[in-house]
Structures are given as C-alpha cells and as structure tokens.
Amino acid sequence: MTEVPVNELLAAGVNTAEVIPVDELLAAGVNLMLMGMGVVFVLLGLMVVTVGGMSRLALKIAGEPLPPEPPTARPAGTPDQQLLSVISAAVHKYRRSHGR
C-alpha cells in the first residue's frame, strides 16, 4: 500500500478517520503529550535554577540583609495621648453631625 499525504486526502474529500489507524493517532497523541510535558519540565527547572542564581548573586552584591529592628514597646495599658485625642475628636464630630 502506498502512502498518500493527508493534505491530498483532504483535498480529495476522503474521510481521514478511515485512513489513519487509531493506534497511530493515539501513539502520535501520547508522543506529543510527552514532548510537551518534557519541554515544560525543562523550562520550569531552568527557571528555578535561574531564580536561585539571581538570589545568590543579589545577596553577594548587596551583602547580608540587616536584621529587623525590634519594635519600640510601650507599657501595656498606656494608650498614646495623641491617638486618644484624635479618636475622641472623631467621635465628637460624628455625634454632632448625626444628632446624638
């Protein structure tokens, strides 16, 4: 049996589902799927290696990051006087404008 290119079969109006065996179609589909998954895996691996290298390079250039400064702690139960005055002014204005 001589092989005829698929585009000639389509031009002649032949149903290609009858011409190409199902096992060849499945094999081609599995092959395409594995190639696609392999390409994605390689590109994602390359991206992980690249980002890790850039992180090491940034640490080498900038040096070690500074430790965070501890927050200044106020004694518990002593609210900030400025905050109290702002809150009381807001409550007073709200009550005045809403008739309470």
Protein backbone atom coordinates (compact mmCIF):
# COMPACT_ATOMS: atom_id res chain seq x y z
CA MET A 1 0.00 0.00 0.00
CA THR A 2 1.43 3.38 -0.95
CA GLU A 3 1.14 6.22 1.49
CA VAL A 4 -0.71 9.32 0.36
CA PRO A 5 -0.13 12.63 2.15
CA VAL A 6 -3.03 13.67 4.36
CA ASN A 7 -3.47 17.05 2.63
CA GLU A 8 -4.09 15.24 -0.69
CA LEU A 9 -6.66 13.02 1.00
CA LEU A 10 -8.40 16.05 2.47
CA ALA A 11 -8.38 17.79 -0.91
CA ALA A 12 -9.95 14.70 -2.47
CA GLY A 13 -12.71 14.69 0.17
CA VAL A 14 -11.63 11.42 1.81
CA ASN A 15 -12.53 10.93 5.47
CA THR A 16 -9.12 10.71 7.15
CA ALA A 17 -10.53 8.93 10.19
CA GLU A 18 -10.96 5.89 7.95
CA VAL A 19 -7.44 6.19 6.51
CA ILE A 20 -5.26 6.78 9.59
CA PRO A 21 -5.42 3.88 12.08
CA VAL A 22 -6.49 4.69 15.62
CA ASP A 23 -3.36 3.18 17.17
CA GLU A 24 -1.17 5.53 15.12
CA LEU A 25 -3.28 8.52 16.17
CA LEU A 26 -3.04 7.51 19.85
CA ALA A 27 0.71 6.96 19.56
CA ALA A 28 1.14 10.37 17.97
CA GLY A 29 -1.01 11.96 20.70
CA VAL A 30 0.95 10.30 23.50
CA ASN A 31 4.23 11.28 21.85
CA LEU A 32 3.10 14.90 21.53
CA MET A 33 1.91 14.94 25.15
CA LEU A 34 5.20 13.56 26.48
CA MET A 35 7.23 16.00 24.41
CA GLY A 36 5.13 18.91 25.69
CA MET A 37 5.43 17.80 29.29
CA GLY A 38 9.19 17.38 28.86
CA VAL A 39 9.57 20.88 27.43
CA VAL A 40 7.54 22.39 30.29
CA PHE A 41 9.55 20.42 32.88
CA VAL A 42 12.87 21.57 31.40
CA LEU A 43 11.77 25.21 31.19
CA LEU A 44 10.44 25.23 34.76
CA GLY A 45 13.67 23.63 36.00
CA LEU A 46 15.69 26.23 34.13
CA MET A 47 13.57 28.98 35.71
CA VAL A 48 14.14 27.57 39.23
CA VAL A 49 17.90 27.42 38.67
CA THR A 50 17.94 30.95 37.21
CA VAL A 51 15.95 32.47 40.08
CA GLY A 52 18.14 30.71 42.65
CA GLY A 53 21.28 32.02 40.93
CA MET A 54 19.88 35.54 40.83
CA SER A 55 19.08 35.33 44.55
CA ARG A 56 22.63 34.25 45.38
CA LEU A 57 24.03 37.00 43.16
CA ALA A 58 21.83 39.64 44.81
CA LEU A 59 22.97 38.51 48.27
CA LYS A 60 26.59 38.61 47.17
CA ILE A 61 26.26 42.13 45.72
CA ALA A 62 24.13 43.66 48.50
CA GLY A 63 25.55 41.71 51.41
CA GLU A 64 23.56 40.06 54.13
CA PRO A 65 20.21 41.68 54.92
CA LEU A 66 20.06 43.74 58.08
CA PRO A 67 18.18 42.19 60.99
CA PRO A 68 14.81 43.82 61.61
CA GLU A 69 14.73 46.40 64.35
CA PRO A 70 12.71 45.36 67.38
CA PRO A 71 9.53 47.39 67.74
CA THR A 72 9.54 50.01 70.42
CA ALA A 73 7.28 48.62 73.09
CA ARG A 74 5.02 50.80 75.19
CA PRO A 75 3.89 49.52 78.52
CA ALA A 76 0.60 47.71 78.26
CA GLY A 77 -2.43 49.73 79.23
CA THR A 78 -0.93 53.18 78.50
CA PRO A 79 -2.55 54.42 75.28
CA ASP A 80 -0.94 57.11 73.18
CA GLN A 81 -2.35 60.52 74.18
CA GLN A 82 -2.39 61.81 70.59
CA LEU A 83 -4.34 58.75 69.45
CA LEU A 84 -6.87 59.24 72.24
CA SER A 85 -7.40 62.88 71.32
CA VAL A 86 -7.90 62.03 67.62
CA ILE A 87 -10.42 59.30 68.44
CA SER A 88 -12.37 61.48 70.85
CA ALA A 89 -12.47 64.34 68.29
CA ALA A 90 -13.80 61.95 65.64
CA VAL A 91 -16.48 60.60 67.99
CA HIS A 92 -17.49 64.12 68.99
CA LYS A 93 -17.78 65.22 65.33
CA TYR A 94 -19.82 62.13 64.44
CA ARG A 95 -22.23 62.65 67.32
CA ARG A 96 -22.61 66.35 66.48
CA SER A 97 -23.35 65.67 62.78
CA HIS A 98 -25.79 62.78 63.45
CA GLY A 99 -27.76 64.45 66.23
CA ARG A 100 -26.78 62.21 69.11
